[in-house]
Amino acid sequence: MTPLQQVPLRRGVTDRLHAAVPSASEAVVGTLLWGAAMGASALASLLLAGWETPDRIRFVALLYVLGGMLAFPVGLTLARLASRGRQWETAFAAAFVWLLAATLAFTGGLFALQYRSYYAEWHAPAFTLTWAFEFAFTMLTALYQFVVLGVRLYFPLGFAALVGVSIWFTRQRR
């Protein structure tokens, strides 16, 4: 295949990606609303559980806000890519799965980085073999704890928001 024959393929991929990226206003509004919904979900769950101190509750809620804010444009773009030209059921499923996956990935990643920064004081000097093992296992432990303890903070408000945004996405795609 000559370089000239590859141009339409690249252009097609670029065009699909460009069409999937949300507009600036949609990204800003969605990012703020999705982050607020995820933070509100965590805040409500922690307050109802009578968890820790108010400072720690605010910190965890902020972590969920930031995770949601980072996740929204990525999840929306991936949902648009997955549902392009498909039925409404596929659009709903794509929005549900990709927003869920992006939100869990970004929030879990932030949780793991915070967890790692707490334990870094007791780890070996940076970029040694021991440090690499400590880094890897600390991050894996943090992700495990997030899955076991952190995902429940998305229920019931975060789950309801996920269903609502998936319905909005489906209706928007028509």
C-alpha atoms as a PDB file:
ATOM      1  CA  MET A   1       0.000   0.000   0.000  1.00  0.00           C
ATOM      2  CA  THR A   2       1.422   3.364  -0.961  1.00  0.00           C
ATOM      3  CA  PRO A   3       1.411   6.327   1.402  1.00  0.00           C
ATOM      4  CA  LEU A   4      -1.299   7.954  -0.707  1.00  0.00           C
ATOM      5  CA  GLN A   5      -3.591   4.968  -0.242  1.00  0.00           C
ATOM      6  CA  GLN A   6      -3.201   5.168   3.553  1.00  0.00           C
ATOM      7  CA  VAL A   7      -4.432   8.756   3.773  1.00  0.00           C
ATOM      8  CA  PRO A   8      -8.184   7.967   3.534  1.00  0.00           C
ATOM      9  CA  LEU A   9      -7.886   5.386   6.318  1.00  0.00           C
ATOM     10  CA  ARG A  10      -6.118   7.841   8.598  1.00  0.00           C
ATOM     11  CA  ARG A  11      -8.546  10.570   7.668  1.00  0.00           C
ATOM     12  CA  GLY A  12     -11.499   8.266   8.453  1.00  0.00           C
ATOM     13  CA  VAL A  13     -10.120   7.439  11.900  1.00  0.00           C
ATOM     14  CA  THR A  14      -9.350  11.091  12.557  1.00  0.00           C
ATOM     15  CA  ASP A  15     -12.816  12.137  11.411  1.00  0.00           C
ATOM     16  CA  ARG A  16     -14.505   9.571  13.677  1.00  0.00           C
ATOM     17  CA  LEU A  17     -12.404  10.653  16.639  1.00  0.00           C
ATOM     18  CA  HIS A  18     -13.063  14.318  15.934  1.00  0.00           C
ATOM     19  CA  ALA A  19     -16.811  13.653  15.732  1.00  0.00           C
ATOM     20  CA  ALA A  20     -16.731  11.733  19.030  1.00  0.00           C
ATOM     21  CA  VAL A  21     -14.980  14.414  21.065  1.00  0.00           C
ATOM     22  CA  PRO A  22     -17.531  16.512  22.977  1.00  0.00           C
ATOM     23  CA  SER A  23     -17.846  20.221  22.284  1.00  0.00           C
ATOM     24  CA  ALA A  24     -16.181  22.572  24.744  1.00  0.00           C
ATOM     25  CA  SER A  25     -19.467  23.624  26.363  1.00  0.00           C
ATOM     26  CA  GLU A  26     -20.697  20.031  26.585  1.00  0.00           C
ATOM     27  CA  ALA A  27     -17.392  18.925  28.101  1.00  0.00           C
ATOM     28  CA  VAL A  28     -17.294  21.743  30.669  1.00  0.00           C
ATOM     29  CA  VAL A  29     -20.916  21.415  31.772  1.00  0.00           C
ATOM     30  CA  GLY A  30     -20.808  17.615  31.763  1.00  0.00           C
ATOM     31  CA  THR A  31     -17.499  17.554  33.618  1.00  0.00           C
ATOM     32  CA  LEU A  32     -18.787  19.841  36.343  1.00  0.00           C
ATOM     33  CA  LEU A  33     -22.110  18.019  36.708  1.00  0.00           C
ATOM     34  CA  TRP A  34     -20.592  14.515  36.605  1.00  0.00           C
ATOM     35  CA  GLY A  35     -17.891  15.474  39.127  1.00  0.00           C
ATOM     36  CA  ALA A  36     -20.490  17.048  41.409  1.00  0.00           C
ATOM     37  CA  ALA A  37     -22.719  13.972  41.166  1.00  0.00           C
ATOM     38  CA  MET A  38     -19.860  11.596  42.013  1.00  0.00           C
ATOM     39  CA  GLY A  39     -18.730  13.812  44.884  1.00  0.00           C
ATOM     40  CA  ALA A  40     -22.282  14.119  46.212  1.00  0.00           C
ATOM     41  CA  SER A  41     -22.672  10.356  46.079  1.00  0.00           C
ATOM     42  CA  ALA A  42     -19.492   9.795  48.086  1.00  0.00           C
ATOM     43  CA  LEU A  43     -20.343  12.596  50.509  1.00  0.00           C
ATOM     44  CA  ALA A  44     -23.843  11.281  51.173  1.00  0.00           C
ATOM     45  CA  SER A  45     -22.584   7.732  51.705  1.00  0.00           C
ATOM     46  CA  LEU A  46     -19.852   8.831  54.093  1.00  0.00           C
ATOM     47  CA  LEU A  47     -22.111  11.158  56.073  1.00  0.00           C
ATOM     48  CA  LEU A  48     -24.795   8.495  56.433  1.00  0.00           C
ATOM     49  CA  ALA A  49     -22.168   6.030  57.652  1.00  0.00           C
ATOM     50  CA  GLY A  50     -20.861   8.524  60.220  1.00  0.00           C
ATOM     51  CA  TRP A  51     -17.391   8.028  58.801  1.00  0.00           C
ATOM     52  CA  GLU A  52     -14.201   9.483  60.321  1.00  0.00           C
ATOM     53  CA  THR A  53     -13.777  13.232  60.694  1.00  0.00           C
ATOM     54  CA  PRO A  54     -15.269  16.030  58.592  1.00  0.00           C
ATOM     55  CA  ASP A  55     -11.829  16.787  57.099  1.00  0.00           C
ATOM     56  CA  ARG A  56     -11.384  13.216  55.883  1.00  0.00           C
ATOM     57  CA  ILE A  57     -14.929  13.119  54.535  1.00  0.00           C
ATOM     58  CA  ARG A  58     -14.269  16.303  52.541  1.00  0.00           C
ATOM     59  CA  PHE A  59     -10.992  14.896  51.227  1.00  0.00           C
ATOM     60  CA  VAL A  60     -12.569  11.645  50.023  1.00  0.00           C
ATOM     61  CA  ALA A  61     -15.513  13.527  48.478  1.00  0.00           C
ATOM     62  CA  LEU A  62     -13.052  15.816  46.678  1.00  0.00           C
ATOM     63  CA  LEU A  63     -11.205  12.756  45.382  1.00  0.00           C
ATOM     64  CA  TYR A  64     -14.482  11.471  43.902  1.00  0.00           C
ATOM     65  CA  VAL A  65     -15.267  14.893  42.419  1.00  0.00           C
ATOM     66  CA  LEU A  66     -11.878  15.032  40.694  1.00  0.00           C
ATOM     67  CA  GLY A  67     -12.161  11.435  39.498  1.00  0.00           C
ATOM     68  CA  GLY A  68     -15.573  12.154  38.008  1.00  0.00           C
ATOM     69  CA  MET A  69     -14.382  15.359  36.397  1.00  0.00           C
ATOM     70  CA  LEU A  70     -11.432  13.640  34.743  1.00  0.00           C
ATOM     71  CA  ALA A  71     -13.564  10.688  33.659  1.00  0.00           C
ATOM     72  CA  PHE A  72     -16.474  12.445  31.967  1.00  0.00           C
ATOM     73  CA  PRO A  73     -14.881  13.680  28.728  1.00  0.00           C
ATOM     74  CA  VAL A  74     -12.968  10.419  28.280  1.00  0.00           C
ATOM     75  CA  GLY A  75     -15.989   8.218  29.001  1.00  0.00           C
ATOM     76  CA  LEU A  76     -18.249  10.296  26.763  1.00  0.00           C
ATOM     77  CA  THR A  77     -15.763  10.180  23.876  1.00  0.00           C
ATOM     78  CA  LEU A  78     -15.338   6.406  24.182  1.00  0.00           C
ATOM     79  CA  ALA A  79     -19.117   5.926  24.393  1.00  0.00           C
ATOM     80  CA  ARG A  80     -19.582   7.964  21.222  1.00  0.00           C
ATOM     81  CA  LEU A  81     -16.921   5.947  19.433  1.00  0.00           C
ATOM     82  CA  ALA A  82     -18.501   2.660  20.523  1.00  0.00           C
ATOM     83  CA  SER A  83     -22.061   3.636  19.651  1.00  0.00           C
ATOM     84  CA  ARG A  84     -21.567   5.502  16.391  1.00  0.00           C
ATOM     85  CA  GLY A  85     -24.262   4.474  13.916  1.00  0.00           C
ATOM     86  CA  ARG A  86     -25.788   1.889  16.272  1.00  0.00           C
ATOM     87  CA  GLN A  87     -29.195   1.300  17.832  1.00  0.00           C
ATOM     88  CA  TRP A  88     -30.316   3.115  20.975  1.00  0.00           C
ATOM     89  CA  GLU A  89     -29.697   0.028  23.123  1.00  0.00           C
ATOM     90  CA  THR A  90     -26.060   0.015  22.090  1.00  0.00           C
ATOM     91  CA  ALA A  91     -25.788   3.742  22.786  1.00  0.00           C
ATOM     92  CA  PHE A  92     -27.222   3.246  26.279  1.00  0.00           C
ATOM     93  CA  ALA A  93     -24.901   0.322  26.997  1.00  0.00           C
ATOM     94  CA  ALA A  94     -21.870   2.174  25.624  1.00  0.00           C
ATOM     95  CA  ALA A  95     -22.545   5.231  27.773  1.00  0.00           C
ATOM     96  CA  PHE A  96     -23.197   3.094  30.835  1.00  0.00           C
ATOM     97  CA  VAL A  97     -20.083   0.947  30.428  1.00  0.00           C
ATOM     98  CA  TRP A  98     -17.622   3.631  29.332  1.00  0.00           C
ATOM     99  CA  LEU A  99     -18.682   6.243  31.901  1.00  0.00           C
ATOM    100  CA  LEU A 100     -18.574   3.590  34.610  1.00  0.00           C
ATOM    101  CA  ALA A 101     -15.164   2.305  33.506  1.00  0.00           C
ATOM    102  CA  ALA A 102     -13.648   5.775  33.132  1.00  0.00           C
ATOM    103  CA  THR A 103     -15.021   6.962  36.471  1.00  0.00           C
ATOM    104  CA  LEU A 104     -13.738   3.909  38.317  1.00  0.00           C
ATOM    105  CA  ALA A 105     -10.363   4.077  36.554  1.00  0.00           C
ATOM    106  CA  PHE A 106      -9.723   7.762  37.208  1.00  0.00           C
ATOM    107  CA  THR A 107     -11.032   7.782  40.777  1.00  0.00           C
ATOM    108  CA  GLY A 108      -9.204   4.536  41.560  1.00  0.00           C
ATOM    109  CA  GLY A 109      -6.042   5.968  40.046  1.00  0.00           C
ATOM    110  CA  LEU A 110      -6.276   9.121  42.165  1.00  0.00           C
ATOM    111  CA  PHE A 111      -6.962   6.996  45.233  1.00  0.00           C
ATOM    112  CA  ALA A 112      -3.907   4.837  44.465  1.00  0.00           C
ATOM    113  CA  LEU A 113      -1.674   7.889  43.993  1.00  0.00           C
ATOM    114  CA  GLN A 114      -2.820   9.361  47.296  1.00  0.00           C
ATOM    115  CA  TYR A 115      -2.344   6.001  49.003  1.00  0.00           C
ATOM    116  CA  ARG A 116       1.150   5.734  47.515  1.00  0.00           C
ATOM    117  CA  SER A 117       2.096   9.240  48.642  1.00  0.00           C
ATOM    118  CA  TYR A 118       1.103   8.360  52.215  1.00  0.00           C
ATOM    119  CA  TYR A 119       3.288   5.228  52.290  1.00  0.00           C
ATOM    120  CA  ALA A 120       6.213   6.717  50.320  1.00  0.00           C
ATOM    121  CA  GLU A 121       7.823   7.838  53.569  1.00  0.00           C
ATOM    122  CA  TRP A 122       8.581   4.210  54.489  1.00  0.00           C
ATOM    123  CA  HIS A 123       9.695   3.046  51.041  1.00  0.00           C
ATOM    124  CA  ALA A 124      13.208   2.533  49.700  1.00  0.00           C
ATOM    125  CA  PRO A 125      14.982   5.299  47.748  1.00  0.00           C
ATOM    126  CA  ALA A 126      13.385   6.084  44.406  1.00  0.00           C
ATOM    127  CA  PHE A 127      14.142   4.063  41.278  1.00  0.00           C
ATOM    128  CA  THR A 128      15.766   1.134  43.043  1.00  0.00           C
ATOM    129  CA  LEU A 129      14.573  -2.422  42.552  1.00  0.00           C
ATOM    130  CA  THR A 130      13.101  -2.499  46.059  1.00  0.00           C
ATOM    131  CA  TRP A 131      11.319   0.788  45.415  1.00  0.00           C
ATOM    132  CA  ALA A 132       9.850  -0.584  42.167  1.00  0.00           C
ATOM    133  CA  PHE A 133       8.384  -3.584  43.999  1.00  0.00           C
ATOM    134  CA  GLU A 134       7.083  -1.402  46.813  1.00  0.00           C
ATOM    135  CA  PHE A 135       5.574   1.021  44.318  1.00  0.00           C
ATOM    136  CA  ALA A 136       3.866  -1.716  42.305  1.00  0.00           C
ATOM    137  CA  PHE A 137       2.469  -3.573  45.291  1.00  0.00           C
ATOM    138  CA  THR A 138       1.367  -0.399  47.065  1.00  0.00           C
ATOM    139  CA  MET A 139      -0.533   0.685  43.953  1.00  0.00           C
ATOM    140  CA  LEU A 140      -2.101  -2.766  43.532  1.00  0.00           C
ATOM    141  CA  THR A 141      -3.108  -2.824  47.201  1.00  0.00           C
ATOM    142  CA  ALA A 142      -4.637   0.632  46.872  1.00  0.00           C
ATOM    143  CA  LEU A 143      -6.618  -0.395  43.800  1.00  0.00           C
ATOM    144  CA  TYR A 144      -7.837  -3.512  45.584  1.00  0.00           C
ATOM    145  CA  GLN A 145      -8.960  -1.441  48.575  1.00  0.00           C
ATOM    146  CA  PHE A 146     -10.687   1.011  46.248  1.00  0.00           C
ATOM    147  CA  VAL A 147     -12.624  -1.796  44.580  1.00  0.00           C
ATOM    148  CA  VAL A 148     -13.588  -3.360  47.907  1.00  0.00           C
ATOM    149  CA  LEU A 149     -14.275  -0.220  49.932  1.00  0.00           C
ATOM    150  CA  GLY A 150     -14.542   2.689  47.527  1.00  0.00           C
ATOM    151  CA  VAL A 151     -16.968   1.468  44.884  1.00  0.00           C
ATOM    152  CA  ARG A 152     -19.793   1.252  47.400  1.00  0.00           C
ATOM    153  CA  LEU A 153     -19.679   5.039  47.775  1.00  0.00           C
ATOM    154  CA  TYR A 154     -21.242   5.278  44.307  1.00  0.00           C
ATOM    155  CA  PHE A 155     -24.468   3.681  45.548  1.00  0.00           C
ATOM    156  CA  PRO A 156     -27.274   4.691  45.258  1.00  0.00           C
ATOM    157  CA  LEU A 157     -26.738   8.273  44.002  1.00  0.00           C
ATOM    158  CA  GLY A 158     -23.827   7.610  41.646  1.00  0.00           C
ATOM    159  CA  PHE A 159     -25.605   4.655  40.092  1.00  0.00           C
ATOM    160  CA  ALA A 160     -28.743   6.731  39.560  1.00  0.00           C
ATOM    161  CA  ALA A 161     -26.631   9.478  37.955  1.00  0.00           C
ATOM    162  CA  LEU A 162     -25.016   6.875  35.683  1.00  0.00           C
ATOM    163  CA  VAL A 163     -28.413   5.646  34.502  1.00  0.00           C
ATOM    164  CA  GLY A 164     -29.595   9.235  34.006  1.00  0.00           C
ATOM    165  CA  VAL A 165     -26.549  10.241  31.970  1.00  0.00           C
ATOM    166  CA  SER A 166     -26.834   7.069  29.899  1.00  0.00           C
ATOM    167  CA  ILE A 167     -30.452   7.933  29.090  1.00  0.00           C
ATOM    168  CA  TRP A 168     -29.417  11.510  28.219  1.00  0.00           C
ATOM    169  CA  PHE A 169     -26.686  10.146  25.960  1.00  0.00           C
ATOM    170  CA  THR A 170     -29.137   7.813  24.225  1.00  0.00           C
ATOM    171  CA  ARG A 171     -31.646  10.582  23.606  1.00  0.00           C
ATOM    172  CA  GLN A 172     -28.923  12.932  22.390  1.00  0.00           C
ATOM    173  CA  ARG A 173     -27.710  10.368  19.824  1.00  0.00           C
ATOM    174  CA  ARG A 174     -31.066  10.287  17.988  1.00  0.00           C
END
